[in-house]
Amino acid sequence: MKSVLLVLSLLIASVAAFAPSLFGVTESNTACFAKHVKKKAAKWAADKRPRKSRPSDINRKPVVYAFDTMEKPPEYTITDAPAVMPAKPEKIITMTSED
């Protein structure tokens, strides 16, 4: 008898969770503690950067790097010669003597 009452009470409790509210009364179970939107990571990090307070920092010009002085070798060379497969390296076997 006790088990029947226990099952019946659990059934009523689970059904009551999905029952509509009576007489149009609604109760909000949501906690709304946020008063304003928080900044996202990039904006927050930008606010934490040091300020340019000295005149030497404020009037500083960006550094201009001359890219013409650096000669890079060509990455690819286009030729009319047929493609040649590179040779596989030979395996080197080292033997140790166990005395």
Protein backbone atom coordinates (compact mmCIF):
# COMPACT_ATOMS: atom_id res chain seq x y z
CA MET A 1 0.00 0.00 0.00
CA LYS A 2 2.85 2.35 0.85
CA SER A 3 4.55 1.67 -2.48
CA VAL A 4 1.32 2.49 -4.34
CA LEU A 5 1.04 5.80 -2.49
CA LEU A 6 4.69 6.57 -3.21
CA VAL A 7 4.29 5.90 -6.92
CA LEU A 8 1.07 7.91 -7.00
CA SER A 9 2.71 10.91 -5.28
CA LEU A 10 5.67 10.82 -7.67
CA LEU A 11 3.29 10.67 -10.63
CA ILE A 12 1.31 13.67 -9.37
CA ALA A 13 4.49 15.65 -8.74
CA SER A 14 5.81 14.99 -12.24
CA VAL A 15 2.47 15.84 -13.87
CA ALA A 16 2.18 19.05 -11.83
CA ALA A 17 5.45 20.28 -13.31
CA PHE A 18 3.90 20.35 -16.79
CA ALA A 19 0.44 21.62 -15.81
CA PRO A 20 -0.56 25.11 -17.03
CA SER A 21 -0.76 27.88 -14.47
CA LEU A 22 -4.12 28.61 -12.93
CA PHE A 23 -6.06 31.85 -13.43
CA GLY A 24 -3.41 33.47 -15.67
CA VAL A 25 -0.92 33.92 -12.83
CA THR A 26 2.63 33.48 -14.05
CA GLU A 27 5.65 33.14 -11.86
CA SER A 28 9.10 33.67 -13.30
CA ASN A 29 11.76 31.24 -12.10
CA THR A 30 14.51 32.95 -14.11
CA ALA A 31 17.12 34.87 -12.14
CA CYS A 32 18.05 38.09 -13.92
CA PHE A 33 21.01 39.55 -12.05
CA ALA A 34 22.78 41.11 -15.04
CA LYS A 35 22.38 44.89 -15.04
CA HIS A 36 24.36 45.53 -18.22
CA VAL A 37 26.11 43.63 -20.97
CA LYS A 38 29.70 42.63 -20.28
CA LYS A 39 32.44 43.42 -22.76
CA LYS A 40 33.76 40.60 -24.86
CA ALA A 41 37.40 39.51 -24.63
CA ALA A 42 38.95 41.70 -27.36
CA LYS A 43 37.17 44.85 -26.23
CA TRP A 44 38.03 44.21 -22.59
CA ALA A 45 41.70 43.63 -23.47
CA ALA A 46 41.78 46.85 -25.49
CA ASP A 47 40.51 48.79 -22.48
CA LYS A 48 43.30 47.34 -20.33
CA ARG A 49 46.12 48.45 -22.66
CA PRO A 50 48.43 51.20 -21.44
CA ARG A 51 47.50 54.74 -22.45
CA LYS A 52 49.80 57.02 -24.42
CA SER A 53 50.26 59.79 -21.89
CA ARG A 54 53.74 61.09 -22.73
CA PRO A 55 54.19 63.44 -25.70
CA SER A 56 56.94 61.20 -27.05
CA ASP A 57 54.46 58.33 -27.21
CA ILE A 58 51.62 60.40 -28.62
CA ASN A 59 53.72 61.94 -31.43
CA ARG A 60 55.60 58.76 -32.34
CA LYS A 61 55.45 57.83 -36.01
CA PRO A 62 55.26 54.19 -37.09
CA VAL A 63 58.50 52.57 -38.23
CA VAL A 64 58.77 52.26 -42.00
CA TYR A 65 60.67 49.17 -43.08
CA ALA A 66 62.24 49.14 -46.54
CA PHE A 67 61.30 45.90 -48.21
CA ASP A 68 63.40 46.61 -51.32
CA THR A 69 66.66 45.92 -49.49
CA MET A 70 65.81 42.30 -48.81
CA GLU A 71 66.38 40.05 -51.83
CA LYS A 72 64.58 36.77 -51.52
CA PRO A 73 65.60 33.77 -53.58
CA PRO A 74 63.00 32.47 -56.01
CA GLU A 75 60.87 29.74 -54.48
CA TYR A 76 60.16 27.99 -57.76
CA THR A 77 62.17 27.72 -60.93
CA ILE A 78 60.25 26.94 -64.10
CA THR A 79 62.23 24.99 -66.70
CA ASP A 80 61.47 22.98 -69.83
CA ALA A 81 63.46 19.97 -68.58
CA PRO A 82 61.54 16.81 -67.67
CA ALA A 83 60.83 16.16 -64.01
CA VAL A 84 63.47 14.13 -62.19
CA MET A 85 62.61 12.14 -59.08
CA PRO A 86 65.10 12.58 -56.24
CA ALA A 87 67.08 9.49 -55.21
CA LYS A 88 66.09 7.73 -52.01
CA PRO A 89 68.71 7.92 -49.28
CA GLU A 90 70.37 4.65 -48.40
CA LYS A 91 69.74 3.16 -44.99
CA ILE A 92 72.70 3.28 -42.66
CA ILE A 93 72.97 0.32 -40.31
CA THR A 94 75.13 0.71 -37.26
CA MET A 95 76.23 -2.38 -35.40
CA THR A 96 77.46 -2.45 -31.87
CA SER A 97 79.60 -5.19 -30.46
CA GLU A 98 78.36 -6.80 -27.29
CA ASP A 99 81.20 -8.29 -25.28
